[in-house]
Amino acid sequence: MDLQNEKTFETCNKTLAEMDLLIGFSIGLNLFLSIGIIGLNCFLIYHFVWKQTVQTHIDAAGVSFSQAIRASEFARIPPIGIAVIAEMGGIPLDEVVSAYDKDSMERRAIVYSIMGRTAIAKKFVDQYRSIFMSKGYEGEETVLTTTTTGNAK
């Protein structure tokens, strides 16, 4: 009986050793897959949150630029058109001229009102001198010089 007990004991030890190996393999595989799934979830969360944030910023920039384009359309109306519209609205010519004069002095304020006081707007005003920033509205010099010579008479 001792011999049979020893064989049974050895068989049990072999089985336990194989089970230890399988348990260790299962734990390792489980850890590897869990870390992989956590990593995939982190990547997906980062990707979708980042993408949404970028899209939000792009949409905000689009709104600013569309407002700037709409405002620039008014800059294309010739001064005589502005004078006629003002006359139809009951606004005196002196008030129109003073508005042109004020705008010629406050171009930065116009850009900031359109784009907001952001770093991009400041860089635009300081570094990228446009015709509007340096010369103003189309025909503005005509309005200002005509009215100053007209007032001098």
N, C-alpha and C. Protein backbone atom coordinates (compact mmCIF):
# COMPACT_ATOMS: atom_id res chain seq x y z
N MET A 1 0.78 -1.19 0.00
CA MET A 1 0.00 0.00 0.00
C MET A 1 0.83 1.26 0.00
N ASP A 2 1.99 1.15 0.58
CA ASP A 2 2.85 2.31 0.61
C ASP A 2 3.26 2.74 -0.79
N LEU A 3 3.49 1.75 -1.62
CA LEU A 3 3.89 2.04 -3.00
C LEU A 3 2.77 2.73 -3.76
N GLN A 4 1.59 2.26 -3.54
CA GLN A 4 0.45 2.86 -4.21
C GLN A 4 0.19 4.27 -3.69
N ASN A 5 0.37 4.49 -2.40
CA ASN A 5 0.20 5.82 -1.81
C ASN A 5 1.24 6.79 -2.36
N GLU A 6 2.47 6.27 -2.56
CA GLU A 6 3.52 7.11 -3.09
C GLU A 6 3.22 7.52 -4.53
N LYS A 7 2.72 6.57 -5.32
CA LYS A 7 2.38 6.89 -6.71
C LYS A 7 1.22 7.89 -6.76
N THR A 8 0.25 7.70 -5.90
CA THR A 8 -0.87 8.62 -5.84
C THR A 8 -0.39 10.00 -5.41
N PHE A 9 0.53 10.02 -4.42
CA PHE A 9 1.10 11.28 -3.95
C PHE A 9 1.87 11.98 -5.06
N GLU A 10 2.66 11.24 -5.84
CA GLU A 10 3.43 11.82 -6.95
C GLU A 10 2.49 12.34 -8.04
N THR A 11 1.44 11.59 -8.32
CA THR A 11 0.46 12.02 -9.33
C THR A 11 -0.23 13.31 -8.88
N CYS A 12 -0.55 13.36 -7.60
CA CYS A 12 -1.19 14.58 -7.06
C CYS A 12 -0.22 15.76 -7.15
N ASN A 13 1.06 15.52 -6.83
CA ASN A 13 2.05 16.59 -6.92
C ASN A 13 2.22 17.08 -8.35
N LYS A 14 2.23 16.15 -9.31
CA LYS A 14 2.33 16.54 -10.73
C LYS A 14 1.11 17.36 -11.14
N THR A 15 -0.04 16.90 -10.73
CA THR A 15 -1.27 17.60 -11.08
C THR A 15 -1.27 19.01 -10.46
N LEU A 16 -0.83 19.09 -9.19
CA LEU A 16 -0.76 20.39 -8.53
C LEU A 16 0.25 21.30 -9.22
N ALA A 17 1.36 20.77 -9.66
CA ALA A 17 2.38 21.57 -10.36
C ALA A 17 1.82 22.07 -11.69
N GLU A 18 1.12 21.20 -12.41
CA GLU A 18 0.50 21.63 -13.67
C GLU A 18 -0.57 22.68 -13.43
N MET A 19 -1.34 22.50 -12.35
CA MET A 19 -2.38 23.48 -12.03
C MET A 19 -1.74 24.82 -11.62
N ASP A 20 -0.62 24.75 -10.87
CA ASP A 20 0.09 25.99 -10.52
C ASP A 20 0.54 26.71 -11.78
N LEU A 21 1.03 25.96 -12.75
CA LEU A 21 1.47 26.55 -14.02
C LEU A 21 0.28 27.18 -14.75
N LEU A 22 -0.83 26.46 -14.82
CA LEU A 22 -2.03 27.00 -15.48
C LEU A 22 -2.58 28.23 -14.74
N ILE A 23 -2.57 28.19 -13.42
CA ILE A 23 -3.05 29.33 -12.64
C ILE A 23 -2.15 30.54 -12.87
N GLY A 24 -0.84 30.32 -12.86
CA GLY A 24 0.10 31.41 -13.13
C GLY A 24 -0.07 31.99 -14.52
N PHE A 25 -0.26 31.08 -15.50
CA PHE A 25 -0.50 31.53 -16.88
C PHE A 25 -1.79 32.33 -16.97
N SER A 26 -2.85 31.87 -16.29
CA SER A 26 -4.14 32.57 -16.30
C SER A 26 -4.02 33.95 -15.66
N ILE A 27 -3.31 34.03 -14.54
CA ILE A 27 -3.14 35.32 -13.87
C ILE A 27 -2.35 36.28 -14.78
N GLY A 28 -1.28 35.79 -15.39
CA GLY A 28 -0.47 36.63 -16.28
C GLY A 28 -1.27 37.11 -17.48
N LEU A 29 -2.03 36.22 -18.10
CA LEU A 29 -2.85 36.58 -19.24
C LEU A 29 -3.93 37.59 -18.83
N ASN A 30 -4.53 37.38 -17.67
CA ASN A 30 -5.55 38.31 -17.16
C ASN A 30 -4.94 39.69 -16.92
N LEU A 31 -3.76 39.75 -16.30
CA LEU A 31 -3.11 41.04 -16.07
C LEU A 31 -2.77 41.73 -17.39
N PHE A 32 -2.23 40.97 -18.34
CA PHE A 32 -1.87 41.55 -19.64
C PHE A 32 -3.09 42.11 -20.35
N LEU A 33 -4.17 41.35 -20.39
CA LEU A 33 -5.39 41.82 -21.05
C LEU A 33 -6.01 43.00 -20.31
N SER A 34 -5.99 42.99 -18.98
CA SER A 34 -6.55 44.10 -18.21
C SER A 34 -5.77 45.39 -18.47
N ILE A 35 -4.46 45.30 -18.47
CA ILE A 35 -3.63 46.47 -18.75
C ILE A 35 -3.87 46.95 -20.18
N GLY A 36 -4.01 46.03 -21.11
CA GLY A 36 -4.30 46.40 -22.50
C GLY A 36 -5.63 47.11 -22.63
N ILE A 37 -6.65 46.60 -21.96
CA ILE A 37 -7.98 47.22 -22.03
C ILE A 37 -7.96 48.60 -21.36
N ILE A 38 -7.28 48.72 -20.23
CA ILE A 38 -7.17 50.03 -19.58
C ILE A 38 -6.44 51.01 -20.48
N GLY A 39 -5.36 50.57 -21.11
CA GLY A 39 -4.62 51.43 -22.04
C GLY A 39 -5.48 51.85 -23.22
N LEU A 40 -6.24 50.92 -23.78
CA LEU A 40 -7.13 51.24 -24.90
C LEU A 40 -8.19 52.24 -24.48
N ASN A 41 -8.78 52.06 -23.30
CA ASN A 41 -9.77 53.01 -22.79
C ASN A 41 -9.17 54.40 -22.61
N CYS A 42 -7.96 54.47 -22.05
CA CYS A 42 -7.30 55.77 -21.88
C CYS A 42 -7.06 56.43 -23.22
N PHE A 43 -6.61 55.66 -24.20
CA PHE A 43 -6.38 56.21 -25.53
C PHE A 43 -7.67 56.73 -26.14
N LEU A 44 -8.73 55.94 -26.06
CA LEU A 44 -10.00 56.37 -26.65
C LEU A 44 -10.58 57.61 -25.96
N ILE A 45 -10.49 57.65 -24.65
CA ILE A 45 -10.98 58.83 -23.92
C ILE A 45 -10.18 60.05 -24.33
N TYR A 46 -8.85 59.92 -24.34
CA TYR A 46 -8.00 61.04 -24.73
C TYR A 46 -8.30 61.47 -26.16
N HIS A 47 -8.42 60.51 -27.05
CA HIS A 47 -8.66 60.82 -28.46
C HIS A 47 -9.97 61.57 -28.66
N PHE A 48 -11.05 61.08 -28.06
CA PHE A 48 -12.34 61.72 -28.27
C PHE A 48 -12.46 63.04 -27.54
N VAL A 49 -11.89 63.17 -26.35
CA VAL A 49 -11.93 64.43 -25.62
C VAL A 49 -11.08 65.47 -26.34
N TRP A 50 -9.90 65.08 -26.77
CA TRP A 50 -9.01 65.99 -27.49
C TRP A 50 -9.65 66.43 -28.79
N LYS A 51 -10.23 65.49 -29.51
CA LYS A 51 -10.87 65.83 -30.77
C LYS A 51 -12.02 66.80 -30.55
N GLN A 52 -12.81 66.59 -29.52
CA GLN A 52 -13.93 67.49 -29.22
C GLN A 52 -13.43 68.87 -28.85
N THR A 53 -12.35 68.93 -28.06
CA THR A 53 -11.78 70.22 -27.67
C THR A 53 -11.27 70.98 -28.88
N VAL A 54 -10.58 70.29 -29.76
CA VAL A 54 -10.06 70.93 -30.97
C VAL A 54 -11.21 71.42 -31.83
N GLN A 55 -12.24 70.62 -31.98
CA GLN A 55 -13.40 71.02 -32.79
C GLN A 55 -14.07 72.25 -32.20
N THR A 56 -14.15 72.32 -30.87
CA THR A 56 -14.74 73.48 -30.21
C THR A 56 -13.93 74.74 -30.52
N HIS A 57 -12.60 74.64 -30.45
CA HIS A 57 -11.75 75.79 -30.75
C HIS A 57 -11.85 76.20 -32.22
N ILE A 58 -11.93 75.23 -33.10
CA ILE A 58 -12.06 75.54 -34.52
C ILE A 58 -13.40 76.24 -34.78
N ASP A 59 -14.46 75.76 -34.15
CA ASP A 59 -15.77 76.41 -34.31
C ASP A 59 -15.74 77.84 -33.78
N ALA A 60 -15.09 78.05 -32.64
CA ALA A 60 -15.01 79.40 -32.07
C ALA A 60 -14.22 80.33 -33.00
N ALA A 61 -13.14 79.81 -33.57
CA ALA A 61 -12.35 80.62 -34.50
C ALA A 61 -13.18 80.93 -35.75
N GLY A 62 -13.96 79.96 -36.21
CA GLY A 62 -14.81 80.18 -37.37
C GLY A 62 -15.83 81.28 -37.13
N VAL A 63 -16.39 81.32 -35.93
CA VAL A 63 -17.35 82.38 -35.60
C VAL A 63 -16.65 83.73 -35.63
N SER A 64 -15.44 83.81 -35.04
CA SER A 64 -14.70 85.08 -35.03
C SER A 64 -14.39 85.54 -36.45
N PHE A 65 -13.95 84.61 -37.29
CA PHE A 65 -13.58 84.99 -38.64
C PHE A 65 -14.81 85.35 -39.48
N SER A 66 -15.93 84.67 -39.25
CA SER A 66 -17.13 85.04 -40.01
C SER A 66 -17.61 86.43 -39.58
N GLN A 67 -17.48 86.76 -38.30
CA GLN A 67 -17.83 88.12 -37.86
C GLN A 67 -16.89 89.15 -38.47
N ALA A 68 -15.61 88.79 -38.59
CA ALA A 68 -14.64 89.71 -39.20
C ALA A 68 -14.96 89.92 -40.68
N ILE A 69 -15.36 88.86 -41.36
CA ILE A 69 -15.70 88.99 -42.78
C ILE A 69 -16.95 89.86 -42.94
N ARG A 70 -17.94 89.64 -42.07
CA ARG A 70 -19.15 90.45 -42.14
C ARG A 70 -18.83 91.92 -41.86
N ALA A 71 -17.97 92.17 -40.91
CA ALA A 71 -17.60 93.56 -40.61
C ALA A 71 -16.80 94.17 -41.76
N SER A 72 -15.99 93.37 -42.42
CA SER A 72 -15.19 93.92 -43.52
C SER A 72 -16.07 94.29 -44.71
N GLU A 73 -17.22 93.68 -44.84
CA GLU A 73 -18.13 94.05 -45.91
C GLU A 73 -18.58 95.51 -45.76
N PHE A 74 -18.77 95.96 -44.52
CA PHE A 74 -19.16 97.34 -44.30
C PHE A 74 -18.02 98.29 -44.68
N ALA A 75 -16.79 97.84 -44.57
CA ALA A 75 -15.65 98.69 -44.91
C ALA A 75 -15.57 98.93 -46.41
N ARG A 76 -16.27 98.13 -47.20
CA ARG A 76 -16.22 98.27 -48.65
C ARG A 76 -17.24 99.27 -49.18
N ILE A 77 -18.15 99.71 -48.34
CA ILE A 77 -19.14 100.70 -48.79
C ILE A 77 -18.40 102.03 -48.96
N PRO A 78 -18.50 102.65 -50.12
CA PRO A 78 -17.77 103.91 -50.31
C PRO A 78 -18.34 105.00 -49.41
N PRO A 79 -17.52 105.99 -49.12
CA PRO A 79 -17.96 107.05 -48.20
C PRO A 79 -19.22 107.76 -48.66
N ILE A 80 -19.39 107.93 -49.95
CA ILE A 80 -20.61 108.60 -50.43
C ILE A 80 -21.84 107.78 -50.09
N GLY A 81 -21.70 106.44 -50.15
CA GLY A 81 -22.80 105.56 -49.76
C GLY A 81 -23.14 105.70 -48.30
N ILE A 82 -22.10 105.78 -47.48
CA ILE A 82 -22.31 105.99 -46.05
C ILE A 82 -23.00 107.32 -45.80
N ALA A 83 -22.58 108.36 -46.52
CA ALA A 83 -23.19 109.69 -46.35
C ALA A 83 -24.66 109.66 -46.74
N VAL A 84 -24.98 108.97 -47.85
CA VAL A 84 -26.38 108.90 -48.29
C VAL A 84 -27.22 108.13 -47.28
N ILE A 85 -26.69 107.00 -46.79
CA ILE A 85 -27.43 106.21 -45.80
C ILE A 85 -27.64 107.03 -44.52
N ALA A 86 -26.60 107.76 -44.11
CA ALA A 86 -26.71 108.59 -42.91
C ALA A 86 -27.75 109.69 -43.11
N GLU A 87 -27.74 110.30 -44.29
CA GLU A 87 -28.71 111.37 -44.59
C GLU A 87 -30.13 110.81 -44.55
N MET A 88 -30.33 109.62 -45.10
CA MET A 88 -31.65 108.99 -45.10
C MET A 88 -32.09 108.66 -43.67
N GLY A 89 -31.12 108.37 -42.82
CA GLY A 89 -31.44 108.04 -41.43
C GLY A 89 -31.52 109.26 -40.53
N GLY A 90 -31.27 110.44 -41.10
CA GLY A 90 -31.38 111.66 -40.31
C GLY A 90 -30.12 111.96 -39.50
N ILE A 91 -28.99 111.36 -39.86
CA ILE A 91 -27.75 111.62 -39.14
C ILE A 91 -27.01 112.74 -39.87
N PRO A 92 -26.59 113.78 -39.17
CA PRO A 92 -25.90 114.89 -39.82
C PRO A 92 -24.54 114.47 -40.36
N LEU A 93 -24.09 115.15 -41.40
CA LEU A 93 -22.82 114.84 -42.04
C LEU A 93 -21.65 115.01 -41.08
N ASP A 94 -21.72 116.00 -40.20
CA ASP A 94 -20.64 116.20 -39.23
C ASP A 94 -20.46 114.98 -38.32
N GLU A 95 -21.58 114.35 -37.97
CA GLU A 95 -21.51 113.16 -37.13
C GLU A 95 -20.86 112.00 -37.88
N VAL A 96 -21.14 111.87 -39.18
CA VAL A 96 -20.51 110.82 -40.00
C VAL A 96 -19.02 111.08 -40.08
N VAL A 97 -18.63 112.32 -40.31
CA VAL A 97 -17.21 112.66 -40.40
C VAL A 97 -16.51 112.38 -39.07
N SER A 98 -17.16 112.72 -37.96
CA SER A 98 -16.54 112.46 -36.67
C SER A 98 -16.40 110.95 -36.42
N ALA A 99 -17.34 110.16 -36.93
CA ALA A 99 -17.22 108.71 -36.81
C ALA A 99 -16.02 108.20 -37.60
N TYR A 100 -15.84 108.73 -38.83
CA TYR A 100 -14.66 108.36 -39.62
C TYR A 100 -13.39 108.77 -38.88
N ASP A 101 -13.40 109.97 -38.32
CA ASP A 101 -12.23 110.46 -37.60
C ASP A 101 -11.93 109.58 -36.39
N LYS A 102 -12.96 109.22 -35.65
CA LYS A 102 -12.79 108.36 -34.47
C LYS A 102 -12.23 107.00 -34.88
N ASP A 103 -12.79 106.41 -35.95
CA ASP A 103 -12.30 105.12 -36.41
C ASP A 103 -10.86 105.19 -36.89
N SER A 104 -10.49 106.31 -37.48
CA SER A 104 -9.11 106.41 -37.94
C SER A 104 -8.15 106.43 -36.75
N MET A 105 -8.62 106.86 -35.59
CA MET A 105 -7.79 106.89 -34.39
C MET A 105 -7.85 105.58 -33.59
N GLU A 106 -8.89 104.80 -33.80
CA GLU A 106 -9.09 103.62 -32.94
C GLU A 106 -9.19 102.32 -33.74
N ARG A 107 -8.28 102.08 -34.62
CA ARG A 107 -8.32 100.85 -35.42
C ARG A 107 -8.11 99.60 -34.56
N ARG A 108 -7.29 99.70 -33.58
CA ARG A 108 -7.07 98.55 -32.69
C ARG A 108 -8.37 98.14 -32.01
N ALA A 109 -9.14 99.11 -31.61
CA ALA A 109 -10.41 98.82 -30.94
C ALA A 109 -11.35 98.06 -31.87
N ILE A 110 -11.30 98.38 -33.15
CA ILE A 110 -12.16 97.68 -34.12
C ILE A 110 -11.75 96.22 -34.21
N VAL A 111 -10.46 95.97 -34.34
CA VAL A 111 -9.97 94.59 -34.43
C VAL A 111 -10.30 93.84 -33.15
N TYR A 112 -10.07 94.46 -31.99
CA TYR A 112 -10.37 93.80 -30.72
C TYR A 112 -11.86 93.54 -30.55
N SER A 113 -12.71 94.43 -31.06
CA SER A 113 -14.14 94.20 -30.93
C SER A 113 -14.60 93.04 -31.79
N ILE A 114 -13.91 92.82 -32.90
CA ILE A 114 -14.28 91.71 -33.78
C ILE A 114 -13.70 90.39 -33.28
N MET A 115 -12.41 90.41 -32.95
CA MET A 115 -11.72 89.17 -32.60
C MET A 115 -11.62 88.94 -31.10
N GLY A 116 -11.97 89.94 -30.30
CA GLY A 116 -11.81 89.81 -28.85
C GLY A 116 -10.38 90.12 -28.45
N ARG A 117 -10.16 90.31 -27.18
CA ARG A 117 -8.81 90.62 -26.70
C ARG A 117 -8.07 89.33 -26.44
N THR A 118 -7.62 88.71 -27.51
CA THR A 118 -6.89 87.45 -27.41
C THR A 118 -5.45 87.67 -27.87
N ALA A 119 -4.63 86.65 -27.63
CA ALA A 119 -3.23 86.74 -28.05
C ALA A 119 -3.13 86.83 -29.57
N ILE A 120 -4.03 86.15 -30.26
CA ILE A 120 -4.01 86.18 -31.73
C ILE A 120 -4.35 87.58 -32.23
N ALA A 121 -5.34 88.22 -31.63
CA ALA A 121 -5.73 89.56 -32.05
C ALA A 121 -4.59 90.54 -31.78
N LYS A 122 -3.93 90.42 -30.64
CA LYS A 122 -2.81 91.31 -30.32
C LYS A 122 -1.68 91.11 -31.32
N LYS A 123 -1.39 89.86 -31.64
CA LYS A 123 -0.33 89.58 -32.62
C LYS A 123 -0.71 90.15 -33.99
N PHE A 124 -1.97 90.04 -34.35
CA PHE A 124 -2.44 90.59 -35.62
C PHE A 124 -2.24 92.10 -35.65
N VAL A 125 -2.66 92.77 -34.60
CA VAL A 125 -2.56 94.23 -34.55
C VAL A 125 -1.10 94.68 -34.55
N ASP A 126 -0.26 93.99 -33.77
CA ASP A 126 1.13 94.42 -33.62
C ASP A 126 2.04 94.04 -34.78
N GLN A 127 1.81 92.87 -35.38
CA GLN A 127 2.79 92.36 -36.34
C GLN A 127 2.31 92.34 -37.79
N TYR A 128 1.04 92.16 -38.01
CA TYR A 128 0.55 92.00 -39.38
C TYR A 128 -0.22 93.25 -39.79
N ARG A 129 0.49 94.23 -40.24
CA ARG A 129 -0.12 95.50 -40.61
C ARG A 129 -0.88 95.34 -41.92
N SER A 130 -2.17 95.46 -41.85
CA SER A 130 -2.99 95.37 -43.06
C SER A 130 -3.23 96.77 -43.61
N ILE A 131 -3.81 96.82 -44.78
CA ILE A 131 -4.16 98.12 -45.37
C ILE A 131 -5.18 98.82 -44.48
N PHE A 132 -6.12 98.06 -43.92
CA PHE A 132 -7.11 98.65 -43.04
C PHE A 132 -6.45 99.28 -41.81
N MET A 133 -5.46 98.56 -41.23
CA MET A 133 -4.81 99.09 -40.03
C MET A 133 -3.97 100.32 -40.35
N SER A 134 -3.37 100.36 -41.54
CA SER A 134 -2.50 101.50 -41.85
C SER A 134 -3.24 102.65 -42.53
N LYS A 135 -4.28 102.34 -43.36
CA LYS A 135 -4.94 103.40 -44.12
C LYS A 135 -6.42 103.56 -43.80
N GLY A 136 -7.03 102.58 -43.18
CA GLY A 136 -8.44 102.70 -42.81
C GLY A 136 -9.39 102.25 -43.89
N TYR A 137 -10.60 102.77 -43.81
CA TYR A 137 -11.64 102.41 -44.76
C TYR A 137 -11.31 102.95 -46.14
N GLU A 138 -11.85 102.28 -47.15
CA GLU A 138 -11.65 102.74 -48.53
C GLU A 138 -12.29 104.12 -48.68
N GLY A 139 -11.51 105.08 -49.13
CA GLY A 139 -12.01 106.42 -49.34
C GLY A 139 -12.04 107.28 -48.09
N GLU A 140 -11.55 106.76 -46.98
CA GLU A 140 -11.59 107.51 -45.74
C GLU A 140 -10.78 108.80 -45.83
N GLU A 141 -9.62 108.72 -46.47
CA GLU A 141 -8.79 109.93 -46.57
C GLU A 141 -9.51 111.03 -47.34
N THR A 142 -10.35 110.64 -48.31
CA THR A 142 -11.12 111.62 -49.08
C THR A 142 -12.12 112.33 -48.17
N VAL A 143 -12.80 111.55 -47.34
CA VAL A 143 -13.79 112.14 -46.44
C VAL A 143 -13.12 113.11 -45.48
N LEU A 144 -12.02 112.65 -44.87
CA LEU A 144 -11.37 113.48 -43.86
C LEU A 144 -10.73 114.72 -44.47
N THR A 145 -10.07 114.61 -45.64
CA THR A 145 -9.44 115.78 -46.24
C THR A 145 -10.48 116.74 -46.81
N THR A 146 -11.56 116.19 -47.38
CA THR A 146 -12.60 117.05 -47.95
C THR A 146 -13.29 117.85 -46.86
N THR A 147 -13.57 117.20 -45.75
CA THR A 147 -14.28 117.91 -44.69
C THR A 147 -13.37 118.89 -43.98
N THR A 148 -12.10 118.58 -43.87
CA THR A 148 -11.21 119.56 -43.22
C THR A 148 -10.99 120.76 -44.12
N THR A 149 -10.88 120.55 -45.43
CA THR A 149 -10.74 121.71 -46.33
C THR A 149 -12.07 122.43 -46.45
N GLY A 150 -13.19 121.70 -46.39
CA GLY A 150 -14.50 122.32 -46.45
C GLY A 150 -14.77 123.16 -45.20
N ASN A 151 -14.29 122.67 -44.04
CA ASN A 151 -14.46 123.42 -42.80
C ASN A 151 -13.55 124.64 -42.75
N ALA A 152 -12.40 124.56 -43.46
CA ALA A 152 -11.46 125.67 -43.44
C ALA A 152 -12.00 126.84 -44.26
N LYS A 153 -12.85 126.53 -45.24
CA LYS A 153 -13.40 127.62 -46.09
C LYS A 153 -14.38 128.38 -45.32
